[in-house]
């Protein structure tokens, strides 16, 4: 099993694996705001929304 954390903040997307041991980030500029995430497989999800 993998422990992954995905953080998306307006135009920055970061993915942390195994409590930050490995990480990758990128800048994205969507034409319209993202409003969903999809994935496949057996997993558990915790979603946190922060209004700034």
Foldseek 3Di string as FASTA:
>chain_A
DKDWDWDDDQFKIKIATPNNPDIDIDGHDDPDDDDDDDDDDDDDDDDDDDDD
